[in-house]
N, C-alpha and C. Protein backbone atom coordinates (compact mmCIF):
# COMPACT_ATOMS: atom_id res chain seq x y z
N MET A 1 -3.34 20.53 -2.36
CA MET A 1 -2.92 19.16 -2.42
C MET A 1 -1.94 18.98 -3.59
N LEU A 2 -0.85 18.31 -3.29
CA LEU A 2 0.17 18.05 -4.29
C LEU A 2 0.05 16.60 -4.71
N MET A 3 0.19 16.34 -6.03
CA MET A 3 0.05 14.97 -6.53
C MET A 3 1.14 14.67 -7.53
N LYS A 4 1.78 13.52 -7.38
CA LYS A 4 2.78 13.02 -8.34
C LYS A 4 2.50 11.56 -8.58
N GLU A 5 2.84 11.10 -9.78
CA GLU A 5 2.62 9.69 -10.15
C GLU A 5 3.89 9.08 -10.72
N LEU A 6 4.00 7.79 -10.50
CA LEU A 6 5.07 6.98 -11.08
C LEU A 6 4.40 5.74 -11.69
N THR A 7 4.63 5.51 -12.97
CA THR A 7 4.14 4.29 -13.61
C THR A 7 5.37 3.46 -13.91
N ILE A 8 5.33 2.19 -13.47
CA ILE A 8 6.51 1.33 -13.52
C ILE A 8 6.08 -0.11 -13.74
N GLN A 9 6.95 -0.93 -14.27
CA GLN A 9 6.65 -2.36 -14.42
C GLN A 9 6.41 -2.97 -13.02
N ALA A 10 5.38 -3.78 -12.93
CA ALA A 10 5.03 -4.43 -11.67
C ALA A 10 5.94 -5.64 -11.45
N LEU A 11 7.17 -5.34 -11.00
CA LEU A 11 8.17 -6.36 -10.73
C LEU A 11 8.71 -6.17 -9.32
N ILE A 12 8.97 -7.30 -8.65
CA ILE A 12 9.52 -7.25 -7.29
C ILE A 12 10.77 -6.36 -7.22
N GLU A 13 11.59 -6.45 -8.22
CA GLU A 13 12.86 -5.68 -8.17
C GLU A 13 12.63 -4.15 -8.28
N ASN A 14 11.41 -3.73 -8.57
CA ASN A 14 11.12 -2.28 -8.64
C ASN A 14 10.60 -1.72 -7.32
N ILE A 15 10.47 -2.56 -6.27
CA ILE A 15 10.00 -2.06 -4.97
C ILE A 15 10.90 -0.94 -4.44
N PRO A 16 12.24 -1.07 -4.49
CA PRO A 16 13.07 0.05 -4.00
C PRO A 16 12.82 1.36 -4.75
N ALA A 17 12.60 1.28 -6.06
CA ALA A 17 12.34 2.52 -6.86
C ALA A 17 11.02 3.14 -6.42
N VAL A 18 10.01 2.30 -6.16
CA VAL A 18 8.71 2.82 -5.71
C VAL A 18 8.86 3.46 -4.31
N THR A 19 9.55 2.78 -3.44
CA THR A 19 9.77 3.30 -2.08
C THR A 19 10.52 4.63 -2.12
N ASP A 20 11.58 4.71 -2.93
CA ASP A 20 12.33 5.95 -3.06
C ASP A 20 11.45 7.08 -3.60
N PHE A 21 10.61 6.78 -4.59
CA PHE A 21 9.71 7.76 -5.18
C PHE A 21 8.77 8.32 -4.11
N VAL A 22 8.17 7.44 -3.33
CA VAL A 22 7.23 7.87 -2.26
C VAL A 22 7.97 8.70 -1.22
N GLU A 23 9.12 8.23 -0.78
CA GLU A 23 9.88 8.96 0.23
C GLU A 23 10.26 10.36 -0.26
N GLU A 24 10.63 10.46 -1.53
CA GLU A 24 11.01 11.76 -2.11
C GLU A 24 9.83 12.73 -2.08
N GLN A 25 8.64 12.23 -2.37
CA GLN A 25 7.44 13.05 -2.39
C GLN A 25 7.05 13.53 -0.97
N LEU A 26 7.34 12.68 0.00
CA LEU A 26 6.95 12.99 1.38
C LEU A 26 8.00 13.78 2.15
N ALA A 27 9.17 13.98 1.54
CA ALA A 27 10.27 14.68 2.22
C ALA A 27 9.86 16.04 2.80
N PRO A 28 9.02 16.86 2.07
CA PRO A 28 8.66 18.16 2.64
C PRO A 28 7.75 18.07 3.88
N LEU A 29 7.08 16.95 4.06
CA LEU A 29 6.23 16.81 5.24
C LEU A 29 7.08 16.31 6.41
N HIS A 30 6.52 16.39 7.57
CA HIS A 30 7.29 16.07 8.76
C HIS A 30 6.88 14.69 9.31
N PHE A 31 7.14 13.66 8.51
CA PHE A 31 6.82 12.31 8.94
C PHE A 31 7.83 11.78 9.94
N SER A 32 7.32 11.12 10.96
CA SER A 32 8.26 10.50 11.93
C SER A 32 8.98 9.32 11.25
N ARG A 33 10.07 8.94 11.86
CA ARG A 33 10.82 7.78 11.34
C ARG A 33 9.93 6.53 11.37
N LYS A 34 9.15 6.38 12.45
CA LYS A 34 8.28 5.22 12.56
C LYS A 34 7.24 5.22 11.44
N ALA A 35 6.63 6.37 11.16
CA ALA A 35 5.63 6.46 10.11
C ALA A 35 6.26 6.10 8.74
N MET A 36 7.48 6.55 8.52
CA MET A 36 8.15 6.25 7.24
C MET A 36 8.44 4.75 7.10
N ILE A 37 8.82 4.11 8.22
CA ILE A 37 9.08 2.65 8.20
C ILE A 37 7.77 1.93 7.92
N GLN A 38 6.70 2.35 8.56
CA GLN A 38 5.40 1.73 8.36
C GLN A 38 4.97 1.88 6.88
N LEU A 39 5.24 3.03 6.30
CA LEU A 39 4.91 3.24 4.88
C LEU A 39 5.77 2.34 4.01
N ALA A 40 7.04 2.22 4.31
CA ALA A 40 7.93 1.36 3.51
C ALA A 40 7.45 -0.10 3.56
N VAL A 41 7.02 -0.55 4.73
CA VAL A 41 6.50 -1.92 4.86
C VAL A 41 5.22 -2.07 4.03
N ALA A 42 4.37 -1.06 4.09
CA ALA A 42 3.11 -1.12 3.33
C ALA A 42 3.38 -1.14 1.81
N ILE A 43 4.30 -0.31 1.37
CA ILE A 43 4.65 -0.27 -0.06
C ILE A 43 5.17 -1.63 -0.49
N ASP A 44 6.07 -2.20 0.30
CA ASP A 44 6.65 -3.49 0.01
C ASP A 44 5.55 -4.55 -0.14
N GLU A 45 4.64 -4.59 0.81
CA GLU A 45 3.57 -5.60 0.79
C GLU A 45 2.64 -5.42 -0.39
N ILE A 46 2.16 -4.20 -0.58
CA ILE A 46 1.18 -3.94 -1.63
C ILE A 46 1.80 -4.11 -3.02
N PHE A 47 2.97 -3.54 -3.24
CA PHE A 47 3.58 -3.62 -4.55
C PHE A 47 3.99 -5.05 -4.89
N SER A 48 4.48 -5.79 -3.89
CA SER A 48 4.88 -7.16 -4.15
C SER A 48 3.65 -8.02 -4.47
N ASN A 49 2.49 -7.75 -3.85
CA ASN A 49 1.28 -8.46 -4.20
C ASN A 49 0.86 -8.18 -5.65
N ILE A 50 0.98 -6.93 -6.06
CA ILE A 50 0.67 -6.59 -7.45
C ILE A 50 1.63 -7.34 -8.39
N ALA A 51 2.93 -7.30 -8.06
CA ALA A 51 3.93 -7.95 -8.90
C ALA A 51 3.70 -9.46 -9.01
N LYS A 52 3.33 -10.08 -7.91
CA LYS A 52 3.16 -11.54 -7.88
C LYS A 52 1.83 -12.02 -8.46
N TYR A 53 0.75 -11.25 -8.23
CA TYR A 53 -0.59 -11.81 -8.49
C TYR A 53 -1.46 -11.10 -9.51
N ALA A 54 -1.16 -9.82 -9.83
CA ALA A 54 -2.07 -9.06 -10.68
C ALA A 54 -2.05 -9.52 -12.14
N TYR A 55 -0.90 -9.92 -12.61
CA TYR A 55 -0.77 -10.22 -14.03
C TYR A 55 -0.32 -11.66 -14.26
N ASP A 56 -0.54 -12.11 -15.49
CA ASP A 56 -0.01 -13.43 -15.87
C ASP A 56 1.48 -13.29 -16.17
N ASP A 57 2.05 -14.28 -16.83
CA ASP A 57 3.51 -14.27 -17.08
C ASP A 57 3.98 -13.13 -17.96
N ASN A 58 3.06 -12.46 -18.67
CA ASN A 58 3.44 -11.35 -19.52
C ASN A 58 3.68 -10.05 -18.72
N GLY A 59 3.28 -10.05 -17.48
CA GLY A 59 3.50 -8.88 -16.63
C GLY A 59 2.63 -7.70 -16.99
N GLY A 60 2.88 -6.60 -16.37
CA GLY A 60 2.11 -5.36 -16.61
C GLY A 60 2.69 -4.24 -15.77
N GLU A 61 2.00 -3.12 -15.85
CA GLU A 61 2.46 -1.92 -15.15
C GLU A 61 1.60 -1.65 -13.95
N ALA A 62 2.13 -0.85 -13.04
CA ALA A 62 1.40 -0.34 -11.90
C ALA A 62 1.70 1.15 -11.80
N THR A 63 0.71 1.92 -11.37
CA THR A 63 0.90 3.32 -11.13
C THR A 63 0.80 3.55 -9.62
N VAL A 64 1.75 4.31 -9.12
CA VAL A 64 1.74 4.71 -7.72
C VAL A 64 1.57 6.22 -7.69
N ARG A 65 0.48 6.64 -7.07
CA ARG A 65 0.17 8.06 -6.97
C ARG A 65 0.34 8.52 -5.54
N VAL A 66 1.06 9.60 -5.34
CA VAL A 66 1.25 10.15 -3.99
C VAL A 66 0.57 11.51 -3.96
N GLU A 67 -0.36 11.65 -3.02
CA GLU A 67 -1.02 12.92 -2.79
C GLU A 67 -0.73 13.36 -1.37
N THR A 68 -0.33 14.60 -1.23
CA THR A 68 -0.06 15.11 0.11
C THR A 68 -1.10 16.16 0.47
N GLU A 69 -1.54 16.06 1.70
CA GLU A 69 -2.52 17.04 2.23
C GLU A 69 -1.80 17.84 3.32
N THR A 70 -2.12 19.09 3.43
CA THR A 70 -1.41 19.94 4.40
C THR A 70 -2.25 20.30 5.61
N ASP A 71 -3.56 20.22 5.53
CA ASP A 71 -4.38 20.66 6.66
C ASP A 71 -5.51 19.69 6.93
N PRO A 72 -5.29 18.68 7.76
CA PRO A 72 -4.07 18.35 8.47
C PRO A 72 -3.10 17.59 7.56
N GLU A 73 -1.84 17.54 7.98
CA GLU A 73 -0.83 16.84 7.17
C GLU A 73 -1.12 15.35 7.07
N ALA A 74 -1.10 14.86 5.86
CA ALA A 74 -1.29 13.42 5.63
C ALA A 74 -0.83 13.10 4.22
N ALA A 75 -0.58 11.82 3.99
CA ALA A 75 -0.24 11.35 2.64
C ALA A 75 -1.25 10.28 2.27
N VAL A 76 -1.70 10.36 1.02
CA VAL A 76 -2.55 9.32 0.46
C VAL A 76 -1.78 8.69 -0.71
N ILE A 77 -1.52 7.42 -0.60
CA ILE A 77 -0.77 6.69 -1.63
C ILE A 77 -1.72 5.72 -2.28
N THR A 78 -1.85 5.85 -3.60
CA THR A 78 -2.78 5.03 -4.35
C THR A 78 -1.99 4.12 -5.28
N PHE A 79 -2.34 2.84 -5.26
CA PHE A 79 -1.73 1.83 -6.12
C PHE A 79 -2.78 1.43 -7.14
N ILE A 80 -2.44 1.56 -8.43
CA ILE A 80 -3.42 1.26 -9.51
C ILE A 80 -2.78 0.25 -10.47
N ASP A 81 -3.53 -0.82 -10.74
CA ASP A 81 -3.09 -1.76 -11.75
C ASP A 81 -4.33 -2.24 -12.53
N ASN A 82 -4.08 -2.76 -13.73
CA ASN A 82 -5.21 -3.26 -14.51
C ASN A 82 -5.13 -4.79 -14.63
N GLY A 83 -4.63 -5.41 -13.55
CA GLY A 83 -4.56 -6.87 -13.48
C GLY A 83 -5.88 -7.48 -13.06
N GLU A 84 -5.81 -8.73 -12.65
CA GLU A 84 -6.99 -9.45 -12.18
C GLU A 84 -7.64 -8.71 -11.02
N PRO A 85 -8.97 -8.58 -11.01
CA PRO A 85 -9.64 -7.93 -9.87
C PRO A 85 -9.32 -8.70 -8.58
N PHE A 86 -8.87 -7.96 -7.56
CA PHE A 86 -8.57 -8.60 -6.28
C PHE A 86 -8.68 -7.57 -5.16
N ASP A 87 -9.54 -7.86 -4.20
CA ASP A 87 -9.72 -6.98 -3.07
C ASP A 87 -9.01 -7.58 -1.86
N PRO A 88 -7.80 -7.10 -1.52
CA PRO A 88 -7.07 -7.66 -0.40
C PRO A 88 -7.74 -7.42 0.94
N LEU A 89 -8.66 -6.41 1.00
CA LEU A 89 -9.31 -6.09 2.25
C LEU A 89 -10.45 -7.08 2.55
N ALA A 90 -10.88 -7.84 1.55
CA ALA A 90 -11.96 -8.82 1.73
C ALA A 90 -11.45 -10.10 2.38
N LYS A 91 -10.15 -10.27 2.38
CA LYS A 91 -9.57 -11.49 2.96
C LYS A 91 -9.78 -11.51 4.46
N LYS A 92 -10.14 -12.70 4.97
CA LYS A 92 -10.36 -12.87 6.39
C LYS A 92 -9.04 -12.60 7.15
N GLU A 93 -9.15 -11.89 8.28
CA GLU A 93 -7.94 -11.59 9.06
C GLU A 93 -7.35 -12.87 9.64
N PRO A 94 -6.04 -12.96 9.71
CA PRO A 94 -5.41 -14.17 10.25
C PRO A 94 -5.72 -14.32 11.75
N ASP A 95 -5.78 -15.56 12.19
CA ASP A 95 -6.01 -15.87 13.57
C ASP A 95 -4.67 -15.83 14.29
N LEU A 96 -4.40 -14.73 14.96
CA LEU A 96 -3.11 -14.53 15.63
C LEU A 96 -3.00 -15.30 16.93
N THR A 97 -4.07 -15.96 17.35
CA THR A 97 -4.00 -16.77 18.56
C THR A 97 -3.34 -18.13 18.26
N LEU A 98 -3.30 -18.50 16.98
CA LEU A 98 -2.67 -19.77 16.60
C LEU A 98 -1.16 -19.61 16.51
N ASP A 99 -0.43 -20.72 16.70
CA ASP A 99 1.00 -20.69 16.45
C ASP A 99 1.24 -20.46 14.95
N ALA A 100 2.39 -19.90 14.62
CA ALA A 100 2.71 -19.62 13.21
C ALA A 100 2.56 -20.84 12.34
N GLU A 101 2.94 -22.01 12.87
CA GLU A 101 2.89 -23.26 12.07
C GLU A 101 1.45 -23.66 11.79
N GLU A 102 0.50 -23.25 12.64
CA GLU A 102 -0.91 -23.67 12.50
C GLU A 102 -1.70 -22.71 11.61
N ARG A 103 -1.18 -21.48 11.43
CA ARG A 103 -1.93 -20.47 10.64
C ARG A 103 -1.88 -20.78 9.17
N LYS A 104 -2.93 -20.39 8.45
CA LYS A 104 -2.93 -20.50 6.99
C LYS A 104 -1.95 -19.47 6.44
N ILE A 105 -1.32 -19.82 5.33
CA ILE A 105 -0.37 -18.90 4.68
C ILE A 105 -1.14 -17.79 4.02
N GLY A 106 -0.62 -16.59 4.08
CA GLY A 106 -1.21 -15.44 3.41
C GLY A 106 -2.09 -14.61 4.32
N GLY A 107 -2.17 -13.32 4.02
CA GLY A 107 -3.06 -12.43 4.75
C GLY A 107 -2.39 -11.64 5.86
N LEU A 108 -1.24 -12.08 6.35
CA LEU A 108 -0.61 -11.40 7.47
C LEU A 108 -0.06 -10.04 7.05
N GLY A 109 0.52 -9.93 5.86
CA GLY A 109 1.06 -8.68 5.39
C GLY A 109 0.01 -7.59 5.27
N ILE A 110 -1.09 -7.88 4.61
CA ILE A 110 -2.13 -6.88 4.44
C ILE A 110 -2.77 -6.55 5.78
N PHE A 111 -2.83 -7.52 6.69
CA PHE A 111 -3.33 -7.29 8.05
C PHE A 111 -2.47 -6.23 8.74
N LEU A 112 -1.14 -6.41 8.63
CA LEU A 112 -0.22 -5.43 9.25
C LEU A 112 -0.35 -4.04 8.62
N VAL A 113 -0.55 -4.02 7.29
CA VAL A 113 -0.75 -2.73 6.62
C VAL A 113 -2.03 -2.07 7.15
N LYS A 114 -3.10 -2.82 7.27
CA LYS A 114 -4.36 -2.29 7.78
C LYS A 114 -4.20 -1.71 9.18
N LYS A 115 -3.43 -2.38 10.01
CA LYS A 115 -3.26 -1.93 11.40
C LYS A 115 -2.33 -0.72 11.53
N SER A 116 -1.41 -0.53 10.59
CA SER A 116 -0.45 0.55 10.72
C SER A 116 -0.80 1.83 9.96
N MET A 117 -1.82 1.77 9.11
CA MET A 117 -2.23 2.96 8.35
C MET A 117 -3.41 3.65 9.03
N ASP A 118 -3.62 4.92 8.68
CA ASP A 118 -4.73 5.68 9.23
C ASP A 118 -6.01 5.50 8.41
N GLY A 119 -5.86 4.89 7.26
CA GLY A 119 -7.03 4.60 6.41
C GLY A 119 -6.58 3.72 5.27
N ILE A 120 -7.50 2.88 4.81
CA ILE A 120 -7.20 2.01 3.66
C ILE A 120 -8.52 1.71 3.00
N SER A 121 -8.50 1.74 1.64
CA SER A 121 -9.72 1.42 0.89
C SER A 121 -9.34 0.76 -0.42
N TYR A 122 -10.29 0.01 -0.95
CA TYR A 122 -10.10 -0.67 -2.22
C TYR A 122 -11.35 -0.49 -3.07
N GLU A 123 -11.13 -0.32 -4.40
CA GLU A 123 -12.24 -0.38 -5.33
C GLU A 123 -11.72 -0.92 -6.66
N TYR A 124 -12.65 -1.55 -7.40
CA TYR A 124 -12.32 -1.99 -8.76
C TYR A 124 -13.19 -1.13 -9.65
N LYS A 125 -12.54 -0.34 -10.50
CA LYS A 125 -13.26 0.64 -11.30
C LYS A 125 -12.63 0.74 -12.68
N ASP A 126 -13.46 0.67 -13.71
CA ASP A 126 -13.01 0.83 -15.10
C ASP A 126 -11.83 -0.09 -15.45
N GLY A 127 -11.89 -1.33 -14.96
CA GLY A 127 -10.84 -2.30 -15.24
C GLY A 127 -9.59 -2.16 -14.44
N HIS A 128 -9.65 -1.37 -13.36
CA HIS A 128 -8.45 -1.15 -12.53
C HIS A 128 -8.70 -1.49 -11.07
N ASN A 129 -7.69 -2.15 -10.48
CA ASN A 129 -7.66 -2.29 -9.02
C ASN A 129 -7.10 -0.99 -8.49
N ILE A 130 -7.77 -0.42 -7.51
CA ILE A 130 -7.35 0.86 -6.91
C ILE A 130 -7.31 0.67 -5.39
N LEU A 131 -6.10 0.65 -4.84
CA LEU A 131 -5.94 0.50 -3.40
C LEU A 131 -5.30 1.77 -2.84
N ARG A 132 -5.97 2.38 -1.87
CA ARG A 132 -5.46 3.62 -1.28
C ARG A 132 -5.10 3.40 0.18
N ILE A 133 -3.95 3.94 0.56
CA ILE A 133 -3.60 3.97 1.98
C ILE A 133 -3.38 5.41 2.38
N LYS A 134 -3.73 5.71 3.62
CA LYS A 134 -3.56 7.06 4.13
C LYS A 134 -2.72 6.99 5.41
N LYS A 135 -1.79 7.90 5.52
CA LYS A 135 -0.94 7.93 6.72
C LYS A 135 -0.70 9.36 7.15
N LYS A 136 -0.86 9.59 8.46
CA LYS A 136 -0.55 10.88 9.05
C LYS A 136 0.90 10.86 9.52
N PRO A 137 1.57 11.99 9.56
CA PRO A 137 3.01 12.02 9.82
C PRO A 137 3.48 11.43 11.16
N GLY A 138 2.77 11.71 12.22
CA GLY A 138 3.31 11.28 13.50
C GLY A 138 2.42 10.27 14.21
N GLN A 139 1.43 9.76 13.55
CA GLN A 139 0.48 8.85 14.19
C GLN A 139 1.00 7.42 14.20
N GLU A 140 0.47 6.66 15.14
CA GLU A 140 0.83 5.25 15.25
C GLU A 140 -0.05 4.38 14.38
N GLY A 141 -1.07 4.92 13.77
CA GLY A 141 -2.03 4.12 13.02
C GLY A 141 -3.30 4.01 13.82
N GLN A 142 -4.41 4.16 13.19
CA GLN A 142 -5.71 4.14 13.82
C GLN A 142 -6.49 2.95 13.31
N LYS A 143 -7.72 2.89 13.70
CA LYS A 143 -8.61 1.87 13.11
C LYS A 143 -8.72 2.23 11.64
N THR A 144 -8.79 1.22 10.79
CA THR A 144 -8.85 1.47 9.37
C THR A 144 -10.27 1.77 8.96
N GLY A 145 -10.41 2.43 7.84
CA GLY A 145 -11.70 2.77 7.30
C GLY A 145 -11.55 3.54 6.03
N LYS A 146 -12.62 3.84 5.41
CA LYS A 146 -12.56 4.56 4.15
C LYS A 146 -12.60 6.04 4.36
């Protein structure tokens, strides 16, 4: 297993740098274009939530850890921050039967992440929010779980 980390200020404008970092680490694996797009969407959603909600006005850092597995091929991307404890997986799933205007705001992004990843988990440990997503190279996304 190969592991690399990037620690960066949790700012919306740093999303492209985080996405580039992850893509660079995954280059040796044979991820489909669709899987890479799904990962980019997940990174955007998760990192923007950290940037917007984890810290007060003073801001803070986030660490993005990329671990690659070779047998079978998969990537595990871990987002770590020491902001306010928040479990995005505990949020009730949006009611997609309602019209967009009738739905409550929030929750759709993490719902899409959950549906497109092969695994997702959250824990709060030692003062840190730790959110992990797992993606296989050519899969469409499975039921989520730990």
